[in-house]
């Protein structure tokens, strides 16, 4: 699956593989999902997306997310706020969709491009 997506990752947790594999069997559908969920965030700075994904993975705890990202809490708050402004679907409205779309982008960065590959 990682090869199919063209990812440069060498290791990926099985839970991520299982979910992403199911979603990317139809690459065009996966691209639509990412773009419809994230909107402009899909092509925004990677640091914004990573902050939002880590924030969700840390149970919406800014302090834990900051520790995981080796960043100051205020930096994480600003990035999460900016990412949420850019995202078509707000993380508070549907954290599952946002997290899955961010995971897809993390594994296959080109999938969020509005220009098909």
C-alpha atoms as a PDB file:
ATOM      1  CA  UNK A   1       0.000   0.000   0.000  1.00  0.00           C
ATOM      2  CA  UNK A   2       2.804   2.425   0.848  1.00  0.00           C
ATOM      3  CA  UNK A   3       4.427   1.710  -2.521  1.00  0.00           C
ATOM      4  CA  UNK A   4       1.082   2.104  -4.319  1.00  0.00           C
ATOM      5  CA  UNK A   5       0.675   5.546  -2.751  1.00  0.00           C
ATOM      6  CA  UNK A   6       4.203   6.573  -3.655  1.00  0.00           C
ATOM      7  CA  UNK A   7       5.013   7.327  -0.020  1.00  0.00           C
ATOM      8  CA  UNK A   8       8.595   7.710   1.126  1.00  0.00           C
ATOM      9  CA  UNK A   9       7.766   6.177   4.514  1.00  0.00           C
ATOM     10  CA  UNK A  10       9.541   2.984   5.455  1.00  0.00           C
ATOM     11  CA  UNK A  11       7.383   2.091   8.444  1.00  0.00           C
ATOM     12  CA  UNK A  12       3.695   2.713   9.098  1.00  0.00           C
ATOM     13  CA  UNK A  13       1.495   1.433  11.960  1.00  0.00           C
ATOM     14  CA  UNK A  14      -0.872  -1.341  10.897  1.00  0.00           C
ATOM     15  CA  UNK A  15      -3.953   0.578  12.095  1.00  0.00           C
ATOM     16  CA  UNK A  16      -3.068   3.401   9.686  1.00  0.00           C
ATOM     17  CA  UNK A  17      -2.382   0.966   6.856  1.00  0.00           C
ATOM     18  CA  UNK A  18      -5.720  -0.806   7.269  1.00  0.00           C
ATOM     19  CA  UNK A  19      -7.708   2.427   7.189  1.00  0.00           C
ATOM     20  CA  UNK A  20      -5.743   4.142   4.433  1.00  0.00           C
ATOM     21  CA  UNK A  21      -5.702   1.017   2.258  1.00  0.00           C
ATOM     22  CA  UNK A  22      -9.488   0.856   2.327  1.00  0.00           C
ATOM     23  CA  UNK A  23      -9.769   4.524   1.411  1.00  0.00           C
ATOM     24  CA  UNK A  24      -7.175   4.618  -1.353  1.00  0.00           C
ATOM     25  CA  UNK A  25      -8.290   1.696  -3.488  1.00  0.00           C
ATOM     26  CA  UNK A  26     -10.163   4.349  -5.428  1.00  0.00           C
ATOM     27  CA  UNK A  27      -7.513   7.067  -5.675  1.00  0.00           C
ATOM     28  CA  UNK A  28      -9.850   9.583  -7.328  1.00  0.00           C
ATOM     29  CA  UNK A  29     -12.375   9.046  -4.537  1.00  0.00           C
ATOM     30  CA  UNK A  30      -9.655   9.466  -1.933  1.00  0.00           C
ATOM     31  CA  UNK A  31      -8.532  12.709  -3.602  1.00  0.00           C
ATOM     32  CA  UNK A  32     -12.140  14.012  -3.577  1.00  0.00           C
ATOM     33  CA  UNK A  33     -12.494  13.066   0.081  1.00  0.00           C
ATOM     34  CA  UNK A  34      -9.303  14.910   1.049  1.00  0.00           C
ATOM     35  CA  UNK A  35     -10.135  18.034  -0.957  1.00  0.00           C
ATOM     36  CA  UNK A  36     -13.778  18.126   0.185  1.00  0.00           C
ATOM     37  CA  UNK A  37     -12.766  17.615   3.814  1.00  0.00           C
ATOM     38  CA  UNK A  38      -9.716  19.845   4.048  1.00  0.00           C
ATOM     39  CA  UNK A  39     -10.333  22.442   1.349  1.00  0.00           C
ATOM     40  CA  UNK A  40      -7.401  24.896   1.151  1.00  0.00           C
ATOM     41  CA  UNK A  41      -5.690  23.131   4.076  1.00  0.00           C
ATOM     42  CA  UNK A  42      -4.880  20.239   1.720  1.00  0.00           C
ATOM     43  CA  UNK A  43      -2.281  22.416  -0.022  1.00  0.00           C
ATOM     44  CA  UNK A  44      -1.255  24.530   2.980  1.00  0.00           C
ATOM     45  CA  UNK A  45       1.978  24.337   4.948  1.00  0.00           C
ATOM     46  CA  UNK A  46       2.788  20.855   6.247  1.00  0.00           C
ATOM     47  CA  UNK A  47       3.397  22.262   9.746  1.00  0.00           C
ATOM     48  CA  UNK A  48      -0.247  23.371   9.962  1.00  0.00           C
ATOM     49  CA  UNK A  49      -1.531  19.950   8.920  1.00  0.00           C
ATOM     50  CA  UNK A  50       0.853  18.123  11.247  1.00  0.00           C
ATOM     51  CA  UNK A  51      -0.152  20.315  14.187  1.00  0.00           C
ATOM     52  CA  UNK A  52      -3.844  19.650  13.575  1.00  0.00           C
ATOM     53  CA  UNK A  53      -3.334  15.903  13.152  1.00  0.00           C
ATOM     54  CA  UNK A  54      -1.205  15.676  16.294  1.00  0.00           C
ATOM     55  CA  UNK A  55      -3.771  17.755  18.193  1.00  0.00           C
ATOM     56  CA  UNK A  56      -6.532  15.305  17.242  1.00  0.00           C
ATOM     57  CA  UNK A  57      -4.329  12.281  17.994  1.00  0.00           C
ATOM     58  CA  UNK A  58      -3.585  13.760  21.426  1.00  0.00           C
ATOM     59  CA  UNK A  59      -7.275  13.970  22.281  1.00  0.00           C
ATOM     60  CA  UNK A  60      -7.546  17.721  21.612  1.00  0.00           C
ATOM     61  CA  UNK A  61      -4.930  18.373  24.294  1.00  0.00           C
ATOM     62  CA  UNK A  62      -2.726  21.268  23.214  1.00  0.00           C
ATOM     63  CA  UNK A  63      -0.091  20.633  25.882  1.00  0.00           C
ATOM     64  CA  UNK A  64       0.383  16.989  24.840  1.00  0.00           C
ATOM     65  CA  UNK A  65       0.388  17.943  21.164  1.00  0.00           C
ATOM     66  CA  UNK A  66       3.060  20.572  21.836  1.00  0.00           C
ATOM     67  CA  UNK A  67       5.211  18.011  23.634  1.00  0.00           C
ATOM     68  CA  UNK A  68       4.839  15.541  20.742  1.00  0.00           C
ATOM     69  CA  UNK A  69       5.737  18.226  18.193  1.00  0.00           C
ATOM     70  CA  UNK A  70       8.584  19.666  20.302  1.00  0.00           C
ATOM     71  CA  UNK A  71       6.936  23.060  19.996  1.00  0.00           C
ATOM     72  CA  UNK A  72       5.633  25.701  22.363  1.00  0.00           C
ATOM     73  CA  UNK A  73       1.992  25.352  23.353  1.00  0.00           C
ATOM     74  CA  UNK A  74       1.153  28.781  21.903  1.00  0.00           C
ATOM     75  CA  UNK A  75       2.708  27.805  18.577  1.00  0.00           C
ATOM     76  CA  UNK A  76       0.529  24.704  18.438  1.00  0.00           C
ATOM     77  CA  UNK A  77      -2.571  26.714  19.345  1.00  0.00           C
ATOM     78  CA  UNK A  78      -1.862  29.203  16.530  1.00  0.00           C
ATOM     79  CA  UNK A  79      -1.213  26.449  13.997  1.00  0.00           C
ATOM     80  CA  UNK A  80      -4.317  24.487  14.980  1.00  0.00           C
ATOM     81  CA  UNK A  81      -6.424  27.641  14.821  1.00  0.00           C
ATOM     82  CA  UNK A  82      -5.056  28.576  11.383  1.00  0.00           C
ATOM     83  CA  UNK A  83      -5.466  25.012  10.079  1.00  0.00           C
ATOM     84  CA  UNK A  84      -9.053  24.958  11.291  1.00  0.00           C
ATOM     85  CA  UNK A  85      -9.727  28.280   9.525  1.00  0.00           C
ATOM     86  CA  UNK A  86      -8.463  26.819   6.240  1.00  0.00           C
ATOM     87  CA  UNK A  87     -10.184  23.447   6.558  1.00  0.00           C
ATOM     88  CA  UNK A  88     -13.528  22.980   4.793  1.00  0.00           C
ATOM     89  CA  UNK A  89     -14.700  20.702   7.627  1.00  0.00           C
ATOM     90  CA  UNK A  90     -13.896  22.024  11.088  1.00  0.00           C
ATOM     91  CA  UNK A  91     -12.135  19.541  13.356  1.00  0.00           C
ATOM     92  CA  UNK A  92     -14.725  20.056  16.103  1.00  0.00           C
ATOM     93  CA  UNK A  93     -17.536  19.165  13.668  1.00  0.00           C
ATOM     94  CA  UNK A  94     -16.025  15.930  12.381  1.00  0.00           C
ATOM     95  CA  UNK A  95     -12.650  15.016  13.886  1.00  0.00           C
ATOM     96  CA  UNK A  96     -12.683  11.553  12.293  1.00  0.00           C
ATOM     97  CA  UNK A  97     -12.964  12.835   8.725  1.00  0.00           C
ATOM     98  CA  UNK A  98     -10.374  15.537   9.328  1.00  0.00           C
ATOM     99  CA  UNK A  99      -7.924  13.085  10.927  1.00  0.00           C
ATOM    100  CA  UNK A 100      -8.362  10.527   8.132  1.00  0.00           C
ATOM    101  CA  UNK A 101      -7.872  13.168   5.436  1.00  0.00           C
ATOM    102  CA  UNK A 102      -4.741  14.391   7.220  1.00  0.00           C
ATOM    103  CA  UNK A 103      -3.424  10.821   7.511  1.00  0.00           C
ATOM    104  CA  UNK A 104      -4.018  10.316   3.794  1.00  0.00           C
ATOM    105  CA  UNK A 105      -2.010  13.454   3.058  1.00  0.00           C
ATOM    106  CA  UNK A 106       0.715  12.375   5.461  1.00  0.00           C
ATOM    107  CA  UNK A 107       1.153   9.068   3.624  1.00  0.00           C
ATOM    108  CA  UNK A 108       0.538  10.344   0.088  1.00  0.00           C
ATOM    109  CA  UNK A 109       1.172  14.114  -0.028  1.00  0.00           C
ATOM    110  CA  UNK A 110       0.256  14.382  -3.710  1.00  0.00           C
ATOM    111  CA  UNK A 111      -3.265  13.043  -3.104  1.00  0.00           C
ATOM    112  CA  UNK A 112      -4.429  16.455  -1.904  1.00  0.00           C
ATOM    113  CA  UNK A 113      -3.267  18.284  -4.978  1.00  0.00           C
ATOM    114  CA  UNK A 114      -6.085  19.866  -6.955  1.00  0.00           C
ATOM    115  CA  UNK A 115      -4.141  18.940 -10.075  1.00  0.00           C
ATOM    116  CA  UNK A 116      -4.531  15.143 -10.568  1.00  0.00           C
ATOM    117  CA  UNK A 117      -1.293  13.175 -10.860  1.00  0.00           C
END
